[in-house]
Amino acid sequence: MQTFTDFDAWGDAIKGASLRLACDAVEARCWTLGVASLGQVMLQVAFEGGGNVCYGGNTHEGLTLFVPLSRAAEHVVNGEPLDDESVLAIPCGADFRIRVRRRAHAWCSIALPPGATEGWRGPAVSGRVAAPVGAVPRLRRMVNEIAATLLDRSVGTAAHGQAGQDLMAAAIACLPHVPAPGAIRGRPRLDRGAIVRRAMETLEASVTVPTAADLAETIGVNGRTLQRTFQESFGMPPKQYLLLRSLHAVRCSLRTAAADDATVADVLVRHGIWEFGRFASRYRRQFGELPSETIRRER
């Protein structure tokens, strides 16, 4: 089990997904990650010391299940809240959105081998899955037992192989039979996933975080559509999401600036921020320290 005091270093260590993360407040300055190769199954167990807004894509070759290990009801996936009897199913190549507001929490991901879920007729996109009663608690208990006994042991043992088989069976038991979708009638629903993907691509290509109006114009939708899409996907309006991205980008720059002898003012101006006092107050509410304290601590 690896322990991190830095959110970004923790995020870079996560496997099987391409991620764009923004930390949403810090309760405890500690993030942990354990990764176990269990035969054909890869298990990741994580603890986050605060909230998180995540957009990602499954780069694993098979289906991945995301399962909260604590505060299940605080997890909102693709705009839908989870509970103790549901999981997020992410097919190979599918994108996903996860948000946990300002609270420390734990989760696991279970990456299954290709073909393991051929009997499950689920959609090709990620989404919340309501499991049969009792299936998710059983899976959660098994994950905790495996984490306690195998995460810090040498890989490739018979115990790892057996744990992988048992975990795969428990994970598949959470996937109920889903009938093939019928024909869609009426006006087709605008693809929210495509809007979020275009928004993320625009943000990655931007030097500074744009305004919500500029983002909507760039990706070719109106403000109301962007508002509804972000509210459904992340449980927050685009303005709030962009503020989190801005705070996170500044924090990353402050940590780099510590080695370059740049000042806090230099960093803020580079990000197009001129109201230093107001931004510092927002930053402290988010991370529990002032920008000047971040740069001083890194030095």
Protein backbone atom coordinates (compact mmCIF):
# COMPACT_ATOMS: atom_id res chain seq x y z
CA MET A 1 0.00 0.00 0.00
CA GLN A 2 1.48 3.35 -1.04
CA THR A 3 0.84 6.50 0.96
CA PHE A 4 0.93 9.99 -0.57
CA THR A 5 0.74 13.48 0.87
CA ASP A 6 0.19 14.95 -2.60
CA PHE A 7 -3.07 14.54 -4.50
CA ASP A 8 -1.48 14.72 -7.97
CA ALA A 9 1.20 12.13 -7.22
CA TRP A 10 -1.54 9.82 -5.95
CA GLY A 11 -3.61 10.38 -9.10
CA ASP A 12 -0.63 9.61 -11.35
CA ALA A 13 -0.21 6.23 -9.64
CA ILE A 14 -3.73 4.99 -10.49
CA LYS A 15 -3.68 2.32 -13.21
CA GLY A 16 -6.08 1.26 -15.93
CA ALA A 17 -7.60 4.68 -16.64
CA SER A 18 -6.75 8.04 -18.15
CA LEU A 19 -7.85 10.59 -15.56
CA ARG A 20 -8.43 14.32 -15.21
CA LEU A 21 -8.77 14.98 -11.50
CA ALA A 22 -9.59 18.03 -9.39
CA CYS A 23 -9.33 17.88 -5.61
CA ASP A 24 -12.48 19.17 -3.90
CA ALA A 25 -11.28 20.23 -0.42
CA VAL A 26 -9.01 18.32 1.97
CA GLU A 27 -10.09 16.72 5.26
CA ALA A 28 -6.87 14.76 5.84
CA ARG A 29 -3.65 15.33 3.90
CA CYS A 30 -3.30 11.65 3.09
CA TRP A 31 -4.07 9.56 0.01
CA THR A 32 -3.34 5.84 -0.26
CA LEU A 33 -3.36 3.35 -3.12
CA GLY A 34 -2.89 -0.40 -3.16
CA VAL A 35 -2.68 -2.35 -6.44
CA ALA A 36 -2.86 -6.14 -6.59
CA SER A 37 -2.56 -8.38 -9.65
CA LEU A 38 -4.78 -11.34 -8.88
CA GLY A 39 -4.33 -13.67 -11.83
CA GLN A 40 -6.47 -12.15 -14.59
CA VAL A 41 -8.05 -9.57 -12.29
CA MET A 42 -6.50 -6.26 -11.22
CA LEU A 43 -7.70 -4.80 -7.93
CA GLN A 44 -7.04 -1.23 -6.80
CA VAL A 45 -7.98 -0.06 -3.31
CA ALA A 46 -7.75 3.65 -2.51
CA PHE A 47 -8.39 6.16 0.22
CA GLU A 48 -8.76 9.87 -0.54
CA GLY A 49 -8.26 12.51 2.11
CA GLY A 50 -10.86 14.82 0.57
CA GLY A 51 -13.37 15.23 -2.21
CA ASN A 52 -12.68 14.69 -5.89
CA VAL A 53 -14.16 15.60 -9.25
CA CYS A 54 -13.01 13.06 -11.82
CA TYR A 55 -13.39 12.64 -15.57
CA GLY A 56 -11.74 9.57 -17.02
CA GLY A 57 -11.68 6.77 -19.54
CA ASN A 58 -11.22 3.03 -19.05
CA THR A 59 -7.94 1.97 -20.71
CA HIS A 60 -8.20 -1.61 -19.43
CA GLU A 61 -9.08 -4.27 -22.02
CA GLY A 62 -12.13 -5.51 -20.13
CA LEU A 63 -14.97 -4.22 -18.00
CA THR A 64 -14.01 -2.29 -14.83
CA LEU A 65 -16.26 -1.98 -11.79
CA PHE A 66 -15.92 1.04 -9.50
CA VAL A 67 -17.18 0.30 -5.98
CA PRO A 68 -17.28 2.75 -3.04
CA LEU A 69 -15.86 1.25 0.15
CA SER A 70 -17.14 4.10 2.33
CA ARG A 71 -19.67 6.94 1.97
CA ALA A 72 -21.39 5.20 -0.95
CA ALA A 73 -24.21 7.74 -1.04
CA GLU A 74 -21.69 10.59 -1.43
CA HIS A 75 -20.52 9.18 -4.78
CA VAL A 76 -22.24 10.63 -7.85
CA VAL A 77 -21.40 8.80 -11.09
CA ASN A 78 -22.42 10.22 -14.46
CA GLY A 79 -24.90 12.38 -12.57
CA GLU A 80 -26.51 9.52 -10.61
CA PRO A 81 -25.87 8.86 -6.89
CA LEU A 82 -24.65 5.44 -5.86
CA ASP A 83 -25.78 3.55 -2.76
CA ASP A 84 -24.79 0.40 -0.87
CA GLU A 85 -26.39 -1.83 -3.53
CA SER A 86 -25.03 -0.27 -6.73
CA VAL A 87 -21.74 0.06 -8.64
CA LEU A 88 -20.37 1.95 -11.62
CA ALA A 89 -19.73 -0.35 -14.61
CA ILE A 90 -17.19 1.00 -17.13
CA PRO A 91 -16.74 -0.95 -20.39
CA CYS A 92 -13.43 -0.95 -22.23
CA GLY A 93 -12.84 2.45 -23.85
CA ALA A 94 -15.84 4.11 -22.18
CA ASP A 95 -15.54 7.41 -20.35
CA PHE A 96 -17.00 8.17 -16.92
CA ARG A 97 -17.57 10.97 -14.39
CA ILE A 98 -17.30 10.58 -10.61
CA ARG A 99 -17.77 13.18 -7.92
CA VAL A 100 -17.48 13.06 -4.12
CA ARG A 101 -18.06 16.42 -2.45
CA ARG A 102 -15.48 17.61 0.07
CA ARG A 103 -15.34 14.39 2.13
CA ALA A 104 -12.62 11.80 2.74
CA HIS A 105 -13.66 8.44 1.31
CA ALA A 106 -12.46 5.03 0.14
CA TRP A 107 -13.12 3.08 -3.05
CA CYS A 108 -11.91 0.17 -5.14
CA SER A 109 -11.81 -0.67 -8.82
CA ILE A 110 -11.94 -4.22 -10.17
CA ALA A 111 -10.65 -4.68 -13.72
CA LEU A 112 -11.98 -7.90 -15.24
CA PRO A 113 -10.39 -9.75 -18.18
CA PRO A 114 -11.86 -9.46 -21.69
CA GLY A 115 -14.74 -11.86 -22.22
CA ALA A 116 -15.42 -12.38 -18.51
CA THR A 117 -18.79 -10.62 -18.75
CA GLU A 118 -20.04 -11.94 -22.10
CA GLY A 119 -23.29 -13.09 -20.47
CA TRP A 120 -24.06 -9.57 -19.28
CA ARG A 121 -25.91 -7.61 -21.96
CA GLY A 122 -25.06 -4.20 -20.63
CA PRO A 123 -24.66 -1.01 -22.66
CA ALA A 124 -21.37 0.05 -24.28
CA VAL A 125 -21.26 3.20 -22.15
CA SER A 126 -20.46 3.55 -18.46
CA GLY A 127 -23.29 3.78 -15.97
CA ARG A 128 -24.71 2.99 -12.56
CA VAL A 129 -25.79 -0.62 -12.14
CA ALA A 130 -28.31 -1.65 -9.48
CA ALA A 131 -27.02 -5.02 -8.30
CA PRO A 132 -29.06 -7.89 -6.86
CA VAL A 133 -29.68 -7.36 -3.14
CA GLY A 134 -26.66 -8.30 -1.05
CA ALA A 135 -24.25 -8.70 -3.98
CA VAL A 136 -22.36 -5.41 -3.47
CA PRO A 137 -21.96 -5.80 0.33
CA ARG A 138 -20.54 -9.30 -0.28
CA LEU A 139 -18.15 -7.90 -2.88
CA ARG A 140 -17.12 -5.09 -0.56
CA ARG A 141 -16.37 -7.51 2.29
CA MET A 142 -14.27 -9.67 -0.03
CA VAL A 143 -12.28 -6.65 -1.25
CA ASN A 144 -11.52 -5.60 2.33
CA GLU A 145 -10.39 -9.14 3.21
CA ILE A 146 -8.13 -9.38 0.15
CA ALA A 147 -6.69 -5.92 0.82
CA ALA A 148 -5.89 -6.85 4.41
CA THR A 149 -4.12 -10.09 3.48
CA LEU A 150 -2.60 -9.82 -0.02
CA LEU A 151 -1.84 -6.19 -0.94
CA ASP A 152 1.54 -6.18 0.79
CA ARG A 153 2.55 -9.74 -0.16
CA SER A 154 4.60 -10.93 -3.14
CA VAL A 155 2.48 -11.44 -6.25
CA GLY A 156 2.00 -14.64 -8.21
CA THR A 157 1.18 -17.00 -5.35
CA ALA A 158 -1.61 -19.58 -5.41
CA ALA A 159 -3.49 -17.35 -2.96
CA HIS A 160 -3.44 -14.48 -5.45
CA GLY A 161 -4.82 -16.70 -8.22
CA GLN A 162 -7.62 -18.06 -6.04
CA ALA A 163 -8.47 -14.56 -4.78
CA GLY A 164 -8.74 -13.38 -8.38
CA GLN A 165 -11.17 -16.16 -9.28
CA ASP A 166 -13.32 -15.51 -6.20
CA LEU A 167 -13.27 -11.75 -6.77
CA MET A 168 -14.25 -12.16 -10.42
CA ALA A 169 -17.21 -14.34 -9.48
CA ALA A 170 -18.34 -11.85 -6.82
CA ALA A 171 -17.99 -8.93 -9.24
CA ILE A 172 -19.96 -10.66 -12.01
CA ALA A 173 -22.68 -11.46 -9.47
CA CYS A 174 -23.25 -7.69 -9.18
CA LEU A 175 -24.23 -7.47 -12.86
CA PRO A 176 -27.90 -8.38 -13.34
CA HIS A 177 -29.31 -9.52 -16.66
CA VAL A 178 -30.03 -6.48 -18.80
CA PRO A 179 -32.39 -6.89 -21.77
CA ALA A 180 -31.23 -5.63 -25.14
CA PRO A 181 -32.33 -2.01 -25.67
CA GLY A 182 -35.33 -1.47 -27.87
CA ALA A 183 -35.79 1.14 -30.55
CA ILE A 184 -35.65 4.74 -29.32
CA ARG A 185 -38.82 6.67 -30.04
CA GLY A 186 -39.30 10.37 -30.24
CA ARG A 187 -36.62 13.03 -30.34
CA PRO A 188 -33.16 11.55 -29.58
CA ARG A 189 -31.50 12.73 -26.38
CA LEU A 190 -28.47 14.93 -26.89
CA ASP A 191 -25.32 12.95 -26.08
CA ARG A 192 -24.15 14.40 -22.77
CA GLY A 193 -21.04 12.23 -22.84
CA ALA A 194 -19.91 13.79 -26.12
CA ILE A 195 -20.41 17.29 -24.72
CA VAL A 196 -18.32 16.46 -21.64
CA ARG A 197 -15.59 14.92 -23.82
CA ARG A 198 -15.40 18.05 -25.99
CA ALA A 199 -15.33 20.22 -22.88
CA MET A 200 -12.45 18.22 -21.37
CA GLU A 201 -10.48 18.35 -24.62
CA THR A 202 -10.95 22.12 -24.71
CA LEU A 203 -9.80 22.50 -21.11
CA GLU A 204 -6.70 20.38 -21.75
CA ALA A 205 -5.78 22.55 -24.75
CA SER A 206 -6.36 25.88 -22.95
CA VAL A 207 -3.49 27.79 -21.36
CA THR A 208 -5.85 29.25 -18.75
CA VAL A 209 -9.22 27.95 -17.57
CA PRO A 210 -11.94 29.58 -19.73
CA THR A 211 -15.23 31.00 -18.52
CA ALA A 212 -18.38 28.91 -18.82
CA ALA A 213 -19.63 31.15 -21.64
CA ASP A 214 -16.38 30.80 -23.58
CA LEU A 215 -16.37 27.04 -23.05
CA ALA A 216 -19.94 26.71 -24.35
CA GLU A 217 -19.10 28.79 -27.43
CA THR A 218 -15.93 26.81 -28.14
CA ILE A 219 -17.62 23.40 -28.05
CA GLY A 220 -20.69 24.61 -29.95
CA VAL A 221 -23.52 24.40 -27.42
CA ASN A 222 -25.61 27.04 -25.71
CA GLY A 223 -25.18 28.01 -22.09
CA ARG A 224 -28.31 26.22 -20.92
CA THR A 225 -27.20 22.92 -22.48
CA LEU A 226 -23.75 23.22 -20.89
CA GLN A 227 -25.35 24.02 -17.53
CA ARG A 228 -27.66 21.01 -17.69
CA THR A 229 -24.89 18.69 -18.90
CA PHE A 230 -22.50 19.55 -16.05
CA GLN A 231 -25.26 19.43 -13.47
CA GLU A 232 -26.25 15.94 -14.64
CA SER A 233 -22.67 14.70 -15.05
CA PHE A 234 -20.88 16.20 -12.04
CA GLY A 235 -23.69 17.43 -9.80
CA MET A 236 -22.48 21.03 -10.15
CA PRO A 237 -22.81 23.89 -12.65
CA PRO A 238 -19.94 24.48 -15.10
CA LYS A 239 -18.90 27.68 -13.31
CA GLN A 240 -18.23 25.74 -10.10
CA TYR A 241 -16.40 22.95 -11.95
CA LEU A 242 -14.20 25.47 -13.76
CA LEU A 243 -13.37 27.16 -10.45
CA LEU A 244 -12.21 23.79 -9.08
CA ARG A 245 -10.08 23.22 -12.17
CA SER A 246 -8.60 26.71 -11.79
CA LEU A 247 -7.79 26.15 -8.11
CA HIS A 248 -6.21 22.81 -8.91
CA ALA A 249 -4.16 24.22 -11.82
CA VAL A 250 -2.85 27.04 -9.61
CA ARG A 251 -1.90 24.57 -6.89
CA CYS A 252 0.09 22.50 -9.40
CA SER A 253 1.86 25.65 -10.62
CA LEU A 254 2.66 26.78 -7.07
CA ARG A 255 4.34 23.47 -6.35
CA THR A 256 6.43 23.79 -9.52
CA ALA A 257 7.17 27.45 -8.82
CA ALA A 258 8.79 26.51 -5.54
CA ALA A 259 11.74 25.14 -7.51
CA ASP A 260 11.81 28.08 -9.97
CA ASP A 261 11.85 30.89 -7.37
CA ALA A 262 8.65 32.34 -8.80
CA THR A 263 6.34 34.29 -6.48
CA VAL A 264 2.68 33.65 -5.76
CA ALA A 265 1.82 36.79 -7.73
CA ASP A 266 3.79 35.49 -10.73
CA VAL A 267 1.81 32.26 -10.69
CA LEU A 268 -1.60 33.92 -10.29
CA VAL A 269 -0.98 36.41 -13.08
CA ARG A 270 0.15 33.59 -15.35
CA HIS A 271 -3.26 32.00 -14.75
CA GLY A 272 -5.09 35.24 -15.52
CA ILE A 273 -5.96 35.91 -11.85
CA TRP A 274 -5.74 39.51 -10.63
CA GLU A 275 -7.95 39.56 -7.52
CA PHE A 276 -5.28 38.08 -5.28
CA GLY A 277 -7.09 38.51 -1.96
CA ARG A 278 -10.38 36.98 -3.09
CA PHE A 279 -8.60 34.09 -4.80
CA ALA A 280 -6.49 33.43 -1.69
CA SER A 281 -9.68 33.14 0.40
CA ARG A 282 -11.18 30.62 -2.01
CA TYR A 283 -7.91 28.71 -2.12
CA ARG A 284 -7.75 28.46 1.69
CA ARG A 285 -11.36 27.23 1.89
CA GLN A 286 -10.51 24.56 -0.64
CA PHE A 287 -7.09 23.33 0.55
CA GLY A 288 -6.86 24.51 4.15
CA GLU A 289 -3.88 26.79 3.50
CA LEU A 290 -3.01 30.00 1.65
CA PRO A 291 -1.18 29.98 -1.70
CA SER A 292 1.85 31.47 0.04
CA GLU A 293 1.84 28.57 2.52
CA THR A 294 1.77 26.03 -0.32
CA ILE A 295 4.80 27.52 -2.03
CA ARG A 296 6.63 27.95 1.29
CA ARG A 297 5.96 24.34 2.30
CA GLU A 298 7.26 23.01 -1.01
CA ARG A 299 10.44 25.02 -0.62
